[in-house]
């Protein structure tokens, strides 16, 4: 019987050890998801701490770079250059606008004077009394030996295309013929509309 007792004892020991192992494996199986979650959370926390440390290091480097006197001087020069470039661009835009406006202004030049002379006949003398460059207004005085030449001269001036308006108040008798006072406004150059 001692042999059987020995077997019972062994079985009891094996059962007891199996129970211990089963409880440990059961506890380990119940704790595994929580332990896995804890490991994942620790890994995320470590990653965030590392990322935060890297950002802090970058921020410290940028602050040191911004505090550097050479960098501040370069930024000041850059801001001054930018302001100067903006001022130059504004001046260039103003110059372009002025050129555009001047291109549309009527101009009294040699060709206009030649056309004025050619509009007159041989018996008509024309004198320029005044010229306003801003408005393009001309004050002319034409002297003709015969009164019949005056309406034809006014008509020819209107037909030259040089003027947007030709006005006269009439004529008067002067020594050597008849004088006609004309007020003419130069037209804008062809292809340009006057403002």
Protein backbone atom coordinates (compact mmCIF):
# COMPACT_ATOMS: atom_id res chain seq x y z
CA UNK A 1 0.00 0.00 0.00
CA UNK A 2 2.81 2.25 0.49
CA UNK A 3 3.16 2.24 -3.21
CA UNK A 4 -0.38 3.47 -3.65
CA UNK A 5 0.05 6.17 -1.06
CA UNK A 6 3.09 7.28 -2.85
CA UNK A 7 1.04 7.58 -6.03
CA UNK A 8 -1.69 9.53 -4.26
CA UNK A 9 0.86 11.82 -2.80
CA UNK A 10 2.45 12.38 -6.16
CA UNK A 11 -0.92 12.99 -7.74
CA UNK A 12 -1.79 15.41 -5.00
CA UNK A 13 1.49 17.25 -5.54
CA UNK A 14 0.98 17.33 -9.30
CA UNK A 15 -2.58 18.51 -8.90
CA UNK A 16 -1.50 21.14 -6.45
CA UNK A 17 1.29 22.33 -8.75
CA UNK A 18 -1.06 22.27 -11.74
CA UNK A 19 -3.51 24.38 -9.77
CA UNK A 20 -0.82 26.88 -8.95
CA UNK A 21 0.28 27.00 -12.57
CA UNK A 22 -3.32 27.36 -13.73
CA UNK A 23 -4.01 30.22 -11.35
CA UNK A 24 -0.83 32.01 -12.47
CA UNK A 25 -1.65 31.51 -16.16
CA UNK A 26 -5.23 32.61 -15.53
CA UNK A 27 -4.06 35.73 -13.71
CA UNK A 28 -1.54 36.39 -16.46
CA UNK A 29 -4.22 35.92 -19.11
CA UNK A 30 -6.53 38.37 -17.30
CA UNK A 31 -3.73 40.94 -16.88
CA UNK A 32 -2.31 40.70 -20.44
CA UNK A 33 -4.66 43.30 -22.09
CA UNK A 34 -4.07 45.78 -19.28
CA UNK A 35 -0.32 45.22 -19.43
CA UNK A 36 -0.37 45.58 -23.24
CA UNK A 37 -2.32 48.83 -22.96
CA UNK A 38 0.11 50.09 -20.33
CA UNK A 39 3.07 49.27 -22.59
CA UNK A 40 1.42 51.06 -25.55
CA UNK A 41 0.64 54.10 -23.36
CA UNK A 42 4.23 54.19 -22.07
CA UNK A 43 5.53 54.00 -25.64
CA UNK A 44 3.23 56.87 -26.72
CA UNK A 45 4.24 58.92 -23.69
CA UNK A 46 7.92 58.31 -24.45
CA UNK A 47 7.36 59.33 -28.09
CA UNK A 48 5.56 62.52 -27.06
CA UNK A 49 8.29 63.36 -24.57
CA UNK A 50 10.92 62.85 -27.26
CA UNK A 51 8.99 64.97 -29.76
CA UNK A 52 8.49 67.73 -27.18
CA UNK A 53 12.18 67.68 -26.34
CA UNK A 54 13.05 67.95 -30.04
CA UNK A 55 10.67 70.90 -30.49
CA UNK A 56 12.10 72.60 -27.43
CA UNK A 57 15.61 72.15 -28.82
CA UNK A 58 14.52 73.62 -32.18
CA UNK A 59 12.85 76.54 -30.42
CA UNK A 60 15.99 77.18 -28.36
CA UNK A 61 18.12 77.17 -31.54
CA UNK A 62 15.71 79.60 -33.27
CA UNK A 63 15.66 81.90 -30.25
CA UNK A 64 19.46 81.89 -30.14
CA UNK A 65 19.57 82.63 -33.90
CA UNK A 66 17.06 85.49 -33.51
CA UNK A 67 19.00 86.92 -30.58
CA UNK A 68 22.23 86.95 -32.60
CA UNK A 69 23.32 90.51 -33.45
CA UNK A 70 24.35 89.56 -36.99
CA UNK A 71 20.90 88.11 -37.68
CA UNK A 72 19.16 91.20 -36.31
CA UNK A 73 21.33 93.41 -38.51
CA UNK A 74 20.53 91.28 -41.56
CA UNK A 75 16.80 91.47 -40.77
CA UNK A 76 17.02 95.24 -40.34
CA UNK A 77 18.85 95.58 -43.66
CA UNK A 78 16.29 93.32 -45.32
CA UNK A 79 13.40 95.41 -43.99
CA UNK A 80 15.12 98.59 -45.18
CA UNK A 81 15.74 97.02 -48.61
CA UNK A 82 12.10 95.94 -48.82
CA UNK A 83 10.92 99.45 -47.94
CA UNK A 84 13.28 100.94 -50.52
CA UNK A 85 12.10 98.46 -53.16
CA UNK A 86 8.47 99.33 -52.43
CA UNK A 87 9.29 103.05 -52.72
CA UNK A 88 11.10 102.45 -56.02
CA UNK A 89 8.16 100.40 -57.32
CA UNK A 90 5.77 103.18 -56.35
CA UNK A 91 7.99 105.71 -58.17
CA UNK A 92 8.15 103.46 -61.25
CA UNK A 93 4.35 103.09 -61.23
CA UNK A 94 3.97 106.86 -60.94
CA UNK A 95 6.41 107.43 -63.82
CA UNK A 96 4.52 104.92 -65.98
CA UNK A 97 1.22 106.63 -65.19
CA UNK A 98 2.72 110.03 -66.05
CA UNK A 99 4.13 108.71 -69.33
CA UNK A 100 0.72 107.28 -70.18
CA UNK A 101 -1.00 110.59 -69.44
CA UNK A 102 1.61 112.60 -71.33
CA UNK A 103 1.14 110.35 -74.35
CA UNK A 104 -2.53 111.36 -74.42
CA UNK A 105 -1.86 115.09 -74.05
CA UNK A 106 -2.06 117.23 -77.16
CA UNK A 107 1.34 118.58 -78.17
CA UNK A 108 2.08 121.78 -80.04
CA UNK A 109 5.09 121.00 -82.19
CA UNK A 110 6.54 121.87 -85.57
CA UNK A 111 4.15 119.58 -87.49
CA UNK A 112 1.11 121.25 -85.90
CA UNK A 113 2.47 124.70 -86.78
CA UNK A 114 3.20 123.59 -90.34
CA UNK A 115 -0.35 122.29 -90.72
CA UNK A 116 -1.68 125.57 -89.36
CA UNK A 117 0.30 127.46 -92.00
CA UNK A 118 -0.76 125.09 -94.77
CA UNK A 119 -4.44 125.55 -93.84
CA UNK A 120 -4.09 129.25 -94.58
CA UNK A 121 -3.98 130.70 -98.07
CA UNK A 122 -1.27 132.94 -99.38
CA UNK A 123 -3.11 136.07 -98.26
CA UNK A 124 -3.54 134.96 -94.61
CA UNK A 125 -0.94 135.54 -91.90
CA UNK A 126 -1.31 133.53 -88.69
CA UNK A 127 0.19 134.44 -85.31
CA UNK A 128 0.15 132.29 -82.21
CA UNK A 129 -0.84 134.54 -79.28
CA UNK A 130 -0.94 132.02 -76.43
CA UNK A 131 -0.81 128.31 -75.70
CA UNK A 132 -1.98 126.43 -72.59
CA UNK A 133 -0.17 123.09 -72.48
CA UNK A 134 -2.48 121.64 -69.82
CA UNK A 135 -5.70 122.09 -71.76
CA UNK A 136 -4.17 122.26 -75.25
CA UNK A 137 -5.88 125.62 -75.90
CA UNK A 138 -4.42 127.91 -78.56
CA UNK A 139 -5.20 131.55 -79.11
CA UNK A 140 -4.53 132.48 -82.73
CA UNK A 141 -4.82 135.70 -84.65
CA UNK A 142 -5.23 135.44 -88.39
CA UNK A 143 -5.03 138.51 -90.61
CA UNK A 144 -6.42 138.36 -94.12
CA UNK A 145 -6.44 141.01 -96.84
CA UNK A 146 -9.91 139.97 -97.96
CA UNK A 147 -12.86 139.32 -95.70
CA UNK A 148 -14.07 136.43 -97.90
CA UNK A 149 -10.99 134.33 -97.00
CA UNK A 150 -11.89 134.17 -93.28
CA UNK A 151 -14.78 131.59 -93.33
CA UNK A 152 -12.78 129.30 -95.63
CA UNK A 153 -9.78 129.47 -93.30
CA UNK A 154 -11.94 128.54 -90.29
CA UNK A 155 -13.46 125.63 -92.24
CA UNK A 156 -10.00 124.36 -93.27
CA UNK A 157 -8.81 124.53 -89.65
CA UNK A 158 -11.78 122.40 -88.59
CA UNK A 159 -11.02 119.88 -91.35
CA UNK A 160 -7.34 119.44 -90.43
CA UNK A 161 -8.24 117.14 -87.55
CA UNK A 162 -5.77 118.96 -85.32
CA UNK A 163 -8.44 120.48 -83.11
CA UNK A 164 -11.32 119.16 -81.06
CA UNK A 165 -12.89 122.64 -81.10
CA UNK A 166 -12.43 125.78 -83.18
CA UNK A 167 -14.22 128.90 -81.96
CA UNK A 168 -14.08 132.48 -83.18
CA UNK A 169 -15.94 135.62 -82.21
CA UNK A 170 -15.87 137.38 -85.53
CA UNK A 171 -13.42 139.68 -87.26
CA UNK A 172 -12.49 143.30 -87.16
CA UNK A 173 -10.92 145.66 -89.60
CA UNK A 174 -7.27 146.44 -88.98
CA UNK A 175 -4.56 148.14 -90.95
CA UNK A 176 -3.67 145.83 -93.82
CA UNK A 177 -6.85 143.71 -93.76
CA UNK A 178 -9.18 141.93 -91.41
CA UNK A 179 -8.16 140.28 -88.12
CA UNK A 180 -9.78 137.14 -86.81
CA UNK A 181 -9.32 135.92 -83.21
CA UNK A 182 -9.50 132.12 -82.92
CA UNK A 183 -9.69 129.90 -79.84
CA UNK A 184 -8.73 126.32 -80.76
CA UNK A 185 -8.31 123.26 -78.57
CA UNK A 186 -5.80 120.67 -79.76
CA UNK A 187 -7.22 117.17 -80.14
CA UNK A 188 -5.63 114.23 -78.37
CA UNK A 189 -3.17 112.25 -80.50
CA UNK A 190 -4.84 109.79 -82.84
CA UNK A 191 -5.80 106.49 -81.23
CA UNK A 192 -5.85 107.99 -77.70
CA UNK A 193 -8.92 109.24 -75.89
CA UNK A 194 -8.52 112.46 -73.95
CA UNK A 195 -9.32 112.19 -70.27
